[in-house]
Amino acid sequence: ALVGVVNEGTGKKARLEKWQVFGKTGTAQLAKTDQRGYSDDAYIASFIAGAPAEDPAVVVLVSIRKPNVELGRGYTGGTVAAPVAARILEKTLNYLEKHHR
């Protein structure tokens, strides 16, 4: 199921060419500090991912508080945090492949 999040779902931006990635996106509104309730324009975008899916060697959690929506890149875990997780996974897995055979 978590492989499907990356292959066909909200975590597509975490896909890697060389490894199968599993993951889960998350998006939450921040609580207002001056009154009750939640903000309409402040979020936490998160993505937890691991790879390779068959035998995980690396798991990473990326959490971005108040992503800059003015950049036009969105604010959800799948659009903001998943690409960061993918870069971390790819660099780490390449390193492990090269140095820990």
N, C-alpha and C. Protein backbone atom coordinates (compact mmCIF):
# COMPACT_ATOMS: atom_id res chain seq x y z
N ALA A 1 0.82 -1.20 0.00
CA ALA A 1 0.00 0.00 0.00
C ALA A 1 0.86 1.27 0.00
N LEU A 2 1.93 1.28 0.81
CA LEU A 2 2.77 2.48 0.86
C LEU A 2 3.64 2.64 -0.38
N VAL A 3 3.89 1.56 -1.09
CA VAL A 3 4.58 1.67 -2.38
C VAL A 3 3.64 2.35 -3.37
N GLY A 4 2.36 2.05 -3.27
CA GLY A 4 1.36 2.67 -4.14
C GLY A 4 1.26 4.17 -3.96
N VAL A 5 1.48 4.65 -2.74
CA VAL A 5 1.47 6.09 -2.49
C VAL A 5 2.51 6.78 -3.36
N VAL A 6 3.66 6.14 -3.50
CA VAL A 6 4.76 6.71 -4.29
C VAL A 6 4.57 6.43 -5.79
N ASN A 7 4.14 5.24 -6.13
CA ASN A 7 4.01 4.89 -7.55
C ASN A 7 2.82 5.53 -8.24
N GLU A 8 1.68 5.62 -7.52
CA GLU A 8 0.47 6.12 -8.17
C GLU A 8 -0.24 7.21 -7.40
N GLY A 9 0.18 7.50 -6.20
CA GLY A 9 -0.59 8.41 -5.35
C GLY A 9 0.05 9.76 -5.12
N THR A 10 -0.19 10.27 -3.92
CA THR A 10 0.23 11.63 -3.57
C THR A 10 1.73 11.79 -3.38
N GLY A 11 2.47 10.69 -3.32
CA GLY A 11 3.91 10.76 -3.12
C GLY A 11 4.73 10.54 -4.37
N LYS A 12 4.15 10.76 -5.54
CA LYS A 12 4.84 10.50 -6.82
C LYS A 12 6.17 11.24 -6.94
N LYS A 13 6.29 12.38 -6.30
CA LYS A 13 7.53 13.17 -6.42
C LYS A 13 8.68 12.55 -5.65
N ALA A 14 8.44 11.41 -4.99
CA ALA A 14 9.51 10.71 -4.28
C ALA A 14 10.01 9.50 -5.07
N ARG A 15 9.48 9.28 -6.24
CA ARG A 15 9.92 8.13 -7.03
C ARG A 15 11.40 8.26 -7.40
N LEU A 16 12.06 7.11 -7.37
CA LEU A 16 13.46 7.04 -7.79
C LEU A 16 13.58 6.04 -8.93
N GLU A 17 14.47 6.31 -9.84
CA GLU A 17 14.65 5.43 -10.99
C GLU A 17 15.25 4.08 -10.58
N LYS A 18 16.18 4.12 -9.66
CA LYS A 18 16.97 2.94 -9.33
C LYS A 18 16.37 2.07 -8.22
N TRP A 19 15.59 2.65 -7.32
CA TRP A 19 15.05 1.93 -6.18
C TRP A 19 13.55 2.14 -6.06
N GLN A 20 12.86 1.11 -5.54
CA GLN A 20 11.44 1.26 -5.26
C GLN A 20 11.29 1.87 -3.87
N VAL A 21 10.54 2.95 -3.81
CA VAL A 21 10.36 3.73 -2.58
C VAL A 21 8.95 3.51 -2.05
N PHE A 22 8.82 3.45 -0.72
CA PHE A 22 7.50 3.46 -0.09
C PHE A 22 7.40 4.74 0.72
N GLY A 23 6.19 5.23 0.94
CA GLY A 23 6.07 6.46 1.70
C GLY A 23 4.64 6.83 2.04
N LYS A 24 4.53 7.84 2.87
CA LYS A 24 3.23 8.37 3.29
C LYS A 24 3.34 9.88 3.40
N THR A 25 2.41 10.57 2.76
CA THR A 25 2.38 12.03 2.82
C THR A 25 1.53 12.50 3.99
N GLY A 26 1.78 13.72 4.40
CA GLY A 26 0.96 14.34 5.45
C GLY A 26 0.93 15.84 5.27
N THR A 27 -0.24 16.41 5.51
CA THR A 27 -0.41 17.86 5.46
C THR A 27 -1.32 18.24 6.61
N ALA A 28 -0.89 19.20 7.42
CA ALA A 28 -1.70 19.63 8.56
C ALA A 28 -1.71 21.15 8.66
N GLN A 29 -2.84 21.68 9.04
CA GLN A 29 -2.93 23.12 9.29
C GLN A 29 -2.31 23.40 10.65
N LEU A 30 -1.61 24.53 10.76
CA LEU A 30 -1.04 24.95 12.03
C LEU A 30 -2.13 25.61 12.89
N ALA A 31 -2.03 25.42 14.19
CA ALA A 31 -2.96 26.07 15.10
C ALA A 31 -2.68 27.57 15.12
N LYS A 32 -3.73 28.34 15.24
CA LYS A 32 -3.58 29.79 15.36
C LYS A 32 -2.98 30.09 16.73
N THR A 33 -2.11 31.09 16.79
CA THR A 33 -1.48 31.42 18.07
C THR A 33 -2.25 32.48 18.83
N ASP A 34 -3.04 33.27 18.15
CA ASP A 34 -3.74 34.38 18.80
C ASP A 34 -5.21 34.08 19.11
N GLN A 35 -5.69 32.97 18.63
CA GLN A 35 -7.08 32.60 18.89
C GLN A 35 -7.27 31.11 18.68
N ARG A 36 -8.45 30.62 18.92
CA ARG A 36 -8.74 29.20 18.76
C ARG A 36 -8.86 28.85 17.28
N GLY A 37 -8.61 27.60 17.00
CA GLY A 37 -8.79 27.12 15.64
C GLY A 37 -7.48 26.96 14.89
N TYR A 38 -7.63 26.76 13.60
CA TYR A 38 -6.48 26.48 12.76
C TYR A 38 -6.33 27.53 11.67
N SER A 39 -5.10 27.75 11.28
CA SER A 39 -4.79 28.73 10.24
C SER A 39 -5.30 28.25 8.88
N ASP A 40 -5.71 29.19 8.06
CA ASP A 40 -6.14 28.87 6.70
C ASP A 40 -4.99 28.95 5.69
N ASP A 41 -3.83 29.43 6.15
CA ASP A 41 -2.72 29.61 5.20
C ASP A 41 -1.36 29.22 5.76
N ALA A 42 -1.33 28.47 6.85
CA ALA A 42 -0.05 28.01 7.41
C ALA A 42 -0.15 26.50 7.67
N TYR A 43 0.81 25.78 7.12
CA TYR A 43 0.74 24.32 7.14
C TYR A 43 2.06 23.70 7.59
N ILE A 44 1.98 22.41 7.92
CA ILE A 44 3.15 21.56 8.07
C ILE A 44 3.00 20.49 6.99
N ALA A 45 3.98 20.40 6.13
CA ALA A 45 4.00 19.39 5.07
C ALA A 45 5.00 18.32 5.47
N SER A 46 4.60 17.06 5.43
CA SER A 46 5.51 16.00 5.84
C SER A 46 5.47 14.82 4.88
N PHE A 47 6.55 14.07 4.91
CA PHE A 47 6.63 12.86 4.11
C PHE A 47 7.60 11.92 4.79
N ILE A 48 7.14 10.69 5.04
CA ILE A 48 8.02 9.66 5.56
C ILE A 48 8.19 8.63 4.46
N ALA A 49 9.42 8.22 4.24
CA ALA A 49 9.70 7.32 3.12
C ALA A 49 10.85 6.39 3.46
N GLY A 50 10.92 5.29 2.73
CA GLY A 50 12.01 4.36 2.90
C GLY A 50 12.30 3.65 1.59
N ALA A 51 13.47 3.05 1.52
CA ALA A 51 13.87 2.31 0.32
C ALA A 51 15.09 1.46 0.65
N PRO A 52 15.35 0.44 -0.14
CA PRO A 52 14.46 -0.14 -1.12
C PRO A 52 13.27 -0.81 -0.43
N ALA A 53 12.13 -0.79 -1.08
CA ALA A 53 10.89 -1.27 -0.47
C ALA A 53 10.98 -2.74 -0.08
N GLU A 54 11.70 -3.54 -0.86
CA GLU A 54 11.80 -4.98 -0.61
C GLU A 54 12.59 -5.30 0.66
N ASP A 55 13.58 -4.48 0.97
CA ASP A 55 14.46 -4.70 2.12
C ASP A 55 15.01 -3.34 2.55
N PRO A 56 14.22 -2.56 3.28
CA PRO A 56 14.60 -1.16 3.57
C PRO A 56 15.95 -1.02 4.27
N ALA A 57 16.78 -0.16 3.70
CA ALA A 57 18.07 0.18 4.29
C ALA A 57 18.04 1.58 4.89
N VAL A 58 17.12 2.42 4.40
CA VAL A 58 17.05 3.82 4.82
C VAL A 58 15.59 4.22 4.99
N VAL A 59 15.32 4.93 6.07
CA VAL A 59 14.01 5.55 6.28
C VAL A 59 14.26 7.01 6.64
N VAL A 60 13.48 7.91 6.05
CA VAL A 60 13.67 9.34 6.29
C VAL A 60 12.31 10.00 6.52
N LEU A 61 12.30 10.96 7.43
CA LEU A 61 11.11 11.78 7.67
C LEU A 61 11.48 13.22 7.38
N VAL A 62 10.72 13.85 6.51
CA VAL A 62 10.92 15.27 6.19
C VAL A 62 9.67 16.00 6.63
N SER A 63 9.85 17.03 7.43
CA SER A 63 8.74 17.86 7.90
C SER A 63 9.11 19.31 7.65
N ILE A 64 8.26 20.00 6.91
CA ILE A 64 8.52 21.39 6.55
C ILE A 64 7.42 22.25 7.14
N ARG A 65 7.80 23.13 8.06
CA ARG A 65 6.84 24.02 8.72
C ARG A 65 6.70 25.29 7.90
N LYS A 66 5.49 25.64 7.60
CA LYS A 66 5.16 26.83 6.82
C LYS A 66 5.88 26.89 5.47
N PRO A 67 5.62 25.93 4.60
CA PRO A 67 6.23 26.02 3.26
C PRO A 67 5.78 27.30 2.58
N ASN A 68 6.67 27.88 1.82
CA ASN A 68 6.40 29.16 1.17
C ASN A 68 5.48 28.95 -0.04
N VAL A 69 4.19 29.14 0.17
CA VAL A 69 3.22 28.90 -0.91
C VAL A 69 3.34 29.94 -2.01
N GLU A 70 3.96 31.07 -1.72
CA GLU A 70 4.13 32.12 -2.73
C GLU A 70 5.07 31.70 -3.86
N LEU A 71 5.87 30.67 -3.63
CA LEU A 71 6.78 30.18 -4.67
C LEU A 71 6.03 29.38 -5.73
N GLY A 72 4.77 29.08 -5.46
CA GLY A 72 3.96 28.35 -6.42
C GLY A 72 4.20 26.86 -6.48
N ARG A 73 4.85 26.32 -5.47
CA ARG A 73 5.15 24.89 -5.45
C ARG A 73 4.17 24.09 -4.60
N GLY A 74 3.19 24.74 -4.04
CA GLY A 74 2.22 24.04 -3.21
C GLY A 74 2.61 24.03 -1.74
N TYR A 75 1.84 23.32 -0.96
CA TYR A 75 2.08 23.27 0.48
C TYR A 75 1.85 21.87 1.06
N THR A 76 1.54 20.90 0.24
CA THR A 76 1.24 19.56 0.74
C THR A 76 2.52 18.73 0.90
N GLY A 77 2.41 17.67 1.68
CA GLY A 77 3.54 16.78 1.87
C GLY A 77 4.05 16.19 0.57
N GLY A 78 3.12 15.86 -0.32
CA GLY A 78 3.51 15.26 -1.60
C GLY A 78 4.22 16.21 -2.54
N THR A 79 3.89 17.49 -2.47
CA THR A 79 4.52 18.44 -3.39
C THR A 79 5.76 19.11 -2.82
N VAL A 80 5.82 19.26 -1.50
CA VAL A 80 6.92 20.00 -0.88
C VAL A 80 7.94 19.08 -0.20
N ALA A 81 7.47 18.12 0.60
CA ALA A 81 8.38 17.28 1.38
C ALA A 81 8.86 16.05 0.62
N ALA A 82 8.03 15.47 -0.23
CA ALA A 82 8.42 14.25 -0.95
C ALA A 82 9.66 14.44 -1.82
N PRO A 83 9.80 15.53 -2.57
CA PRO A 83 11.02 15.69 -3.37
C PRO A 83 12.28 15.79 -2.52
N VAL A 84 12.18 16.38 -1.35
CA VAL A 84 13.33 16.48 -0.43
C VAL A 84 13.69 15.08 0.06
N ALA A 85 12.69 14.31 0.45
CA ALA A 85 12.93 12.94 0.90
C ALA A 85 13.58 12.12 -0.20
N ALA A 86 13.13 12.30 -1.43
CA ALA A 86 13.70 11.56 -2.56
C ALA A 86 15.18 11.87 -2.73
N ARG A 87 15.54 13.13 -2.62
CA ARG A 87 16.97 13.51 -2.76
C ARG A 87 17.81 12.90 -1.64
N ILE A 88 17.28 12.92 -0.42
CA ILE A 88 18.02 12.34 0.71
C ILE A 88 18.17 10.83 0.51
N LEU A 89 17.08 10.16 0.15
CA LEU A 89 17.14 8.71 -0.08
C LEU A 89 18.14 8.37 -1.18
N GLU A 90 18.06 9.07 -2.29
CA GLU A 90 18.93 8.77 -3.42
C GLU A 90 20.40 8.95 -3.07
N LYS A 91 20.74 10.05 -2.43
CA LYS A 91 22.14 10.30 -2.05
C LYS A 91 22.62 9.26 -1.04
N THR A 92 21.77 8.93 -0.07
CA THR A 92 22.15 7.96 0.96
C THR A 92 22.30 6.56 0.37
N LEU A 93 21.36 6.14 -0.46
CA LEU A 93 21.44 4.81 -1.07
C LEU A 93 22.62 4.69 -2.02
N ASN A 94 22.92 5.73 -2.77
CA ASN A 94 24.11 5.71 -3.63
C ASN A 94 25.37 5.58 -2.80
N TYR A 95 25.43 6.30 -1.69
CA TYR A 95 26.58 6.22 -0.79
C TYR A 95 26.72 4.80 -0.23
N LEU A 96 25.62 4.25 0.28
CA LEU A 96 25.66 2.91 0.86
C LEU A 96 26.06 1.87 -0.18
N GLU A 97 25.56 2.02 -1.38
CA GLU A 97 25.89 1.08 -2.45
C GLU A 97 27.38 1.11 -2.78
N LYS A 98 27.94 2.29 -2.75
CA LYS A 98 29.35 2.46 -3.10
C LYS A 98 30.29 2.04 -1.97
N HIS A 99 29.92 2.32 -0.73
CA HIS A 99 30.85 2.15 0.39
C HIS A 99 30.55 0.98 1.32
N HIS A 100 29.42 0.33 1.19
CA HIS A 100 29.06 -0.74 2.14
C HIS A 100 28.57 -1.97 1.41
N ARG A 101 29.41 -2.53 0.62
CA ARG A 101 29.01 -3.74 -0.14
C ARG A 101 29.25 -4.97 0.67
